[in-house]
N, C-alpha and C. Protein backbone atom coordinates (compact mmCIF):
# COMPACT_ATOMS: atom_id res chain seq x y z
N UNK A 1 -41.73 -21.01 101.73
CA UNK A 1 -41.43 -20.67 100.34
C UNK A 1 -42.66 -19.99 99.73
N UNK A 2 -42.46 -18.99 98.92
CA UNK A 2 -43.54 -18.23 98.29
C UNK A 2 -44.04 -18.94 97.04
N UNK A 3 -45.35 -19.02 96.90
CA UNK A 3 -45.97 -19.63 95.72
C UNK A 3 -46.10 -18.56 94.64
N UNK A 4 -45.37 -18.68 93.54
CA UNK A 4 -45.36 -17.67 92.47
C UNK A 4 -46.16 -18.09 91.24
N UNK A 5 -46.97 -19.13 91.38
CA UNK A 5 -47.78 -19.55 90.23
C UNK A 5 -48.92 -18.57 90.00
N UNK A 6 -49.43 -18.54 88.79
CA UNK A 6 -50.55 -17.67 88.45
C UNK A 6 -51.84 -18.22 89.04
N UNK A 7 -52.78 -17.33 89.23
CA UNK A 7 -54.11 -17.73 89.70
C UNK A 7 -54.84 -18.47 88.59
N UNK A 8 -55.83 -19.25 88.97
CA UNK A 8 -56.67 -19.93 87.98
C UNK A 8 -57.38 -18.90 87.11
N UNK A 9 -57.55 -19.21 85.85
CA UNK A 9 -58.29 -18.32 84.95
C UNK A 9 -59.77 -18.47 85.28
N UNK A 10 -60.47 -17.36 85.54
CA UNK A 10 -61.89 -17.47 85.89
C UNK A 10 -62.71 -17.92 84.69
N UNK A 11 -63.70 -18.71 84.94
CA UNK A 11 -64.57 -19.18 83.88
C UNK A 11 -65.68 -18.17 83.59
N UNK A 12 -66.50 -18.44 82.59
CA UNK A 12 -67.61 -17.54 82.26
C UNK A 12 -68.59 -17.41 83.42
N UNK A 13 -69.10 -16.19 83.60
CA UNK A 13 -70.10 -15.89 84.63
C UNK A 13 -71.45 -15.67 83.95
N UNK A 14 -72.49 -15.66 84.75
CA UNK A 14 -73.85 -15.47 84.22
C UNK A 14 -74.03 -14.11 83.55
N UNK A 15 -73.28 -13.09 83.97
CA UNK A 15 -73.44 -11.75 83.39
C UNK A 15 -72.47 -11.47 82.25
N UNK A 16 -71.70 -12.46 81.80
CA UNK A 16 -70.79 -12.28 80.65
C UNK A 16 -71.57 -12.40 79.35
N UNK A 17 -71.02 -11.80 78.31
CA UNK A 17 -71.55 -11.96 76.96
C UNK A 17 -70.72 -13.06 76.30
N UNK A 18 -71.34 -14.19 76.00
CA UNK A 18 -70.61 -15.36 75.52
C UNK A 18 -71.10 -15.74 74.13
N UNK A 19 -70.17 -15.96 73.21
CA UNK A 19 -70.49 -16.40 71.86
C UNK A 19 -69.54 -17.52 71.46
N UNK A 20 -70.01 -18.45 70.69
CA UNK A 20 -69.15 -19.51 70.17
C UNK A 20 -69.58 -20.88 70.64
N UNK A 21 -69.01 -21.92 70.01
CA UNK A 21 -69.38 -23.30 70.34
C UNK A 21 -69.03 -23.67 71.78
N UNK A 22 -69.86 -24.51 72.38
CA UNK A 22 -69.65 -24.96 73.76
C UNK A 22 -68.32 -25.68 73.94
N UNK A 23 -67.88 -26.42 72.92
CA UNK A 23 -66.67 -27.24 73.06
C UNK A 23 -65.40 -26.53 72.61
N UNK A 24 -65.48 -25.28 72.23
CA UNK A 24 -64.31 -24.53 71.77
C UNK A 24 -63.52 -23.98 72.95
N UNK A 25 -62.23 -23.69 72.74
CA UNK A 25 -61.44 -23.07 73.82
C UNK A 25 -62.03 -21.71 74.20
N UNK A 26 -61.99 -21.41 75.49
CA UNK A 26 -62.56 -20.15 76.00
C UNK A 26 -61.51 -19.04 75.92
N UNK A 27 -61.90 -17.90 75.37
CA UNK A 27 -61.08 -16.69 75.38
C UNK A 27 -61.83 -15.68 76.23
N UNK A 28 -61.20 -15.25 77.33
CA UNK A 28 -61.79 -14.26 78.21
C UNK A 28 -61.28 -12.90 77.77
N UNK A 29 -62.19 -12.08 77.23
CA UNK A 29 -61.84 -10.81 76.59
C UNK A 29 -62.35 -9.67 77.46
N UNK A 30 -61.42 -8.89 78.02
CA UNK A 30 -61.78 -7.68 78.76
C UNK A 30 -61.64 -6.53 77.79
N UNK A 31 -62.71 -5.77 77.58
CA UNK A 31 -62.65 -4.68 76.61
C UNK A 31 -63.56 -3.53 76.96
N UNK A 32 -63.33 -2.44 76.25
CA UNK A 32 -64.10 -1.21 76.42
C UNK A 32 -64.88 -0.99 75.13
N UNK A 33 -66.18 -0.76 75.24
CA UNK A 33 -67.02 -0.58 74.05
C UNK A 33 -66.60 0.63 73.22
N UNK A 34 -65.95 1.63 73.82
CA UNK A 34 -65.56 2.85 73.11
C UNK A 34 -64.12 2.82 72.62
N UNK A 35 -63.39 1.73 72.83
CA UNK A 35 -61.97 1.65 72.48
C UNK A 35 -61.79 1.08 71.07
N UNK A 36 -61.17 1.84 70.17
CA UNK A 36 -60.96 1.33 68.81
C UNK A 36 -60.03 0.11 68.76
N UNK A 37 -59.05 0.03 69.65
CA UNK A 37 -58.15 -1.12 69.66
C UNK A 37 -58.88 -2.38 70.13
N UNK A 38 -59.80 -2.22 71.06
CA UNK A 38 -60.61 -3.36 71.51
C UNK A 38 -61.50 -3.85 70.36
N UNK A 39 -62.02 -2.92 69.57
CA UNK A 39 -62.86 -3.28 68.42
C UNK A 39 -62.06 -4.08 67.40
N UNK A 40 -60.83 -3.67 67.13
CA UNK A 40 -59.97 -4.40 66.19
C UNK A 40 -59.69 -5.80 66.72
N UNK A 41 -59.37 -5.90 68.01
CA UNK A 41 -59.10 -7.21 68.61
C UNK A 41 -60.32 -8.12 68.51
N UNK A 42 -61.50 -7.57 68.78
CA UNK A 42 -62.73 -8.36 68.69
C UNK A 42 -62.94 -8.88 67.26
N UNK A 43 -62.76 -8.02 66.26
CA UNK A 43 -62.98 -8.44 64.88
C UNK A 43 -61.94 -9.45 64.41
N UNK A 44 -60.76 -9.44 64.99
CA UNK A 44 -59.75 -10.45 64.66
C UNK A 44 -60.08 -11.79 65.31
N UNK A 45 -60.70 -11.75 66.48
CA UNK A 45 -61.07 -12.99 67.17
C UNK A 45 -62.37 -13.59 66.65
N UNK A 46 -63.24 -12.77 66.08
CA UNK A 46 -64.57 -13.20 65.67
C UNK A 46 -64.58 -14.44 64.77
N UNK A 47 -63.73 -14.53 63.73
CA UNK A 47 -63.79 -15.72 62.88
C UNK A 47 -63.12 -16.96 63.47
N UNK A 48 -62.38 -16.81 64.56
CA UNK A 48 -61.69 -17.95 65.16
C UNK A 48 -62.69 -18.89 65.82
N UNK A 49 -62.35 -20.18 65.86
CA UNK A 49 -63.23 -21.16 66.52
C UNK A 49 -62.91 -21.16 68.01
N UNK A 50 -63.44 -20.15 68.70
CA UNK A 50 -63.26 -20.01 70.15
C UNK A 50 -64.60 -19.66 70.78
N UNK A 51 -64.70 -19.86 72.06
CA UNK A 51 -65.86 -19.43 72.84
C UNK A 51 -65.46 -18.09 73.46
N UNK A 52 -65.86 -17.02 72.81
CA UNK A 52 -65.45 -15.68 73.20
C UNK A 52 -66.34 -15.17 74.34
N UNK A 53 -65.72 -14.88 75.47
CA UNK A 53 -66.41 -14.39 76.66
C UNK A 53 -65.98 -12.95 76.88
N UNK A 54 -66.91 -12.01 76.71
CA UNK A 54 -66.60 -10.58 76.80
C UNK A 54 -67.00 -10.04 78.17
N UNK A 55 -66.06 -9.31 78.79
CA UNK A 55 -66.34 -8.59 80.04
C UNK A 55 -66.00 -7.13 79.82
N UNK A 56 -66.95 -6.28 80.18
CA UNK A 56 -66.73 -4.85 80.01
C UNK A 56 -65.69 -4.35 81.01
N UNK A 57 -64.67 -3.68 80.50
CA UNK A 57 -63.61 -3.10 81.31
C UNK A 57 -63.41 -1.67 80.84
N UNK A 58 -64.18 -0.76 81.42
CA UNK A 58 -64.18 0.65 80.97
C UNK A 58 -62.83 1.29 81.23
N UNK A 59 -62.30 1.93 80.19
CA UNK A 59 -61.02 2.65 80.29
C UNK A 59 -61.32 4.14 80.43
N UNK A 60 -61.74 4.52 81.63
CA UNK A 60 -62.18 5.91 81.85
C UNK A 60 -61.07 6.92 81.64
N UNK A 61 -59.83 6.55 81.86
CA UNK A 61 -58.71 7.48 81.66
C UNK A 61 -58.52 7.82 80.18
N UNK A 62 -58.89 6.90 79.30
CA UNK A 62 -58.71 7.11 77.86
C UNK A 62 -59.99 7.55 77.15
N UNK A 63 -61.12 7.14 77.68
CA UNK A 63 -62.41 7.42 77.05
C UNK A 63 -63.35 8.01 78.09
N UNK A 64 -63.52 9.31 78.12
CA UNK A 64 -64.35 9.95 79.17
C UNK A 64 -65.80 9.47 79.20
N UNK A 65 -66.31 8.92 78.10
CA UNK A 65 -67.69 8.46 78.08
C UNK A 65 -67.82 6.99 78.43
N UNK A 66 -66.71 6.36 78.81
CA UNK A 66 -66.71 4.93 79.15
C UNK A 66 -67.48 4.67 80.44
């Protein structure tokens, strides 16, 4: 029988940018520094009580300077 469950969510790595309280829920945020939609998402998450973990995910197809 095939296992169709999702993989474990990876935890923060040493090279991630992490902000927020140690005991808060972790939000793993993949974003592009040049993406306006990523900026809006970041600013909406900023006031939430979460441990925001940012990983750079360059969208080269949309942003040539990414």
